Amino acid sequence: MVERLRDALPPGRFLALSHCTADFDAEAMERAVRVYHERGMRTQVRDGDQVRRFFGDFELIEPGLVMPHEWRPGPESAVLTPAESSFYAGVARKA
């Protein structure tokens, strides 16, 4: 679905996304996924390389694929450990 969205975007447009990951605390994410599934909600956890592939050949904007609170943080941004975040976020531009 993300590929279809990318293909439909005209040049110069941006794709922004975030995605949960088990890269930083696999056991905690496994527990979270179990809770989602027990409540009838489907979820998919991906590692950084898998999330990066969603951007295809789009140009990732600095700072790249990082935890959401690290993407252009302001003076009052949250300070979280990677395990507390367990998400990746990025913005990329279509050439």
Protein backbone atom coordinates (compact mmCIF):
# COMPACT_ATOMS: atom_id res chain seq x y z
CA MET A 1 0.00 0.00 0.00
CA VAL A 2 2.83 2.39 0.78
CA GLU A 3 4.35 1.73 -2.64
CA ARG A 4 1.04 2.68 -4.31
CA LEU A 5 0.93 5.87 -2.25
CA ARG A 6 4.53 6.73 -3.20
CA ASP A 7 3.81 6.10 -6.88
CA ALA A 8 0.74 8.36 -6.78
CA LEU A 9 2.63 11.31 -5.28
CA PRO A 10 3.82 13.91 -7.78
CA PRO A 11 7.51 14.91 -7.81
CA GLY A 12 8.53 17.26 -5.03
CA ARG A 13 5.98 15.90 -2.56
CA PHE A 14 6.84 14.37 0.79
CA LEU A 15 6.07 11.10 2.54
CA ALA A 16 6.09 11.17 6.36
CA LEU A 17 5.61 8.06 8.45
CA SER A 18 6.31 6.46 11.78
CA HIS A 19 6.36 2.80 12.70
CA CYS A 20 6.80 0.68 15.83
CA THR A 21 9.91 -1.42 16.21
CA ALA A 22 11.33 -4.11 18.45
CA ASP A 23 14.89 -2.99 17.68
CA PHE A 24 15.34 -1.43 21.11
CA ASP A 25 13.36 -3.72 23.47
CA ALA A 26 12.14 -6.90 21.82
CA GLU A 27 10.54 -8.34 24.98
CA ALA A 28 8.49 -5.22 25.72
CA MET A 29 7.33 -4.98 22.12
CA GLU A 30 6.35 -8.66 22.13
CA ARG A 31 4.17 -8.00 25.20
CA ALA A 32 2.60 -4.94 23.52
CA VAL A 33 1.84 -6.89 20.34
CA ARG A 34 0.25 -9.66 22.41
CA VAL A 35 -2.07 -7.10 24.06
CA TYR A 36 -3.08 -5.72 20.66
CA HIS A 37 -3.79 -9.22 19.33
CA GLU A 38 -5.77 -10.19 22.44
CA ARG A 39 -8.01 -7.21 21.76
CA GLY A 40 -8.53 -8.17 18.12
CA MET A 41 -6.21 -5.55 16.63
CA ARG A 42 -3.63 -6.49 14.06
CA THR A 43 -0.23 -4.88 14.28
CA GLN A 44 3.09 -5.30 12.53
CA VAL A 45 6.47 -4.58 14.06
CA ARG A 46 9.38 -3.85 11.72
CA ASP A 47 13.10 -3.24 12.12
CA GLY A 48 14.83 -0.10 10.90
CA ASP A 49 15.79 -1.53 7.51
CA GLN A 50 12.22 -2.65 6.85
CA VAL A 51 10.83 0.78 7.78
CA ARG A 52 13.46 2.51 5.62
CA ARG A 53 12.28 0.45 2.62
CA PHE A 54 8.88 2.16 2.81
CA PHE A 55 10.57 5.28 1.48
CA GLY A 56 11.78 3.49 -1.67
CA ASP A 57 13.95 5.80 -3.75
CA PHE A 58 12.67 8.96 -2.03
CA GLU A 59 15.35 11.17 -0.46
CA LEU A 60 15.25 11.00 3.35
CA ILE A 61 15.31 14.46 4.87
CA GLU A 62 17.78 15.08 7.72
CA PRO A 63 18.02 13.75 10.36
CA GLY A 64 16.83 10.64 8.49
CA LEU A 65 15.10 7.70 10.12
CA VAL A 66 15.20 8.34 13.86
CA MET A 67 13.00 8.11 16.94
CA PRO A 68 10.09 10.58 16.60
CA HIS A 69 11.24 12.85 19.42
CA GLU A 70 14.65 13.18 17.72
CA TRP A 71 13.19 14.47 14.46
CA ARG A 72 13.87 18.20 14.64
CA PRO A 73 13.55 18.41 18.44
CA GLY A 74 12.68 21.69 20.08
CA PRO A 75 13.76 23.05 23.46
CA GLU A 76 10.90 21.26 25.24
CA SER A 77 11.15 17.96 23.36
CA ALA A 78 10.82 14.74 25.32
CA VAL A 79 13.97 12.94 26.30
CA LEU A 80 13.30 9.24 25.93
CA THR A 81 15.50 6.19 25.70
CA PRO A 82 15.20 4.15 22.51
CA ALA A 83 13.32 1.46 24.46
CA GLU A 84 10.82 4.02 25.79
CA SER A 85 10.13 5.24 22.26
CA SER A 86 10.23 1.97 20.27
CA PHE A 87 9.28 3.90 17.13
CA TYR A 88 11.01 5.16 14.01
CA ALA A 89 9.96 8.29 12.14
CA GLY A 90 11.09 9.86 8.91
CA VAL A 91 10.22 12.26 6.13
CA ALA A 92 11.36 11.79 2.54
CA ARG A 93 10.95 13.78 -0.68
CA LYS A 94 10.09 12.36 -4.09
CA ALA A 95 12.61 13.50 -6.70
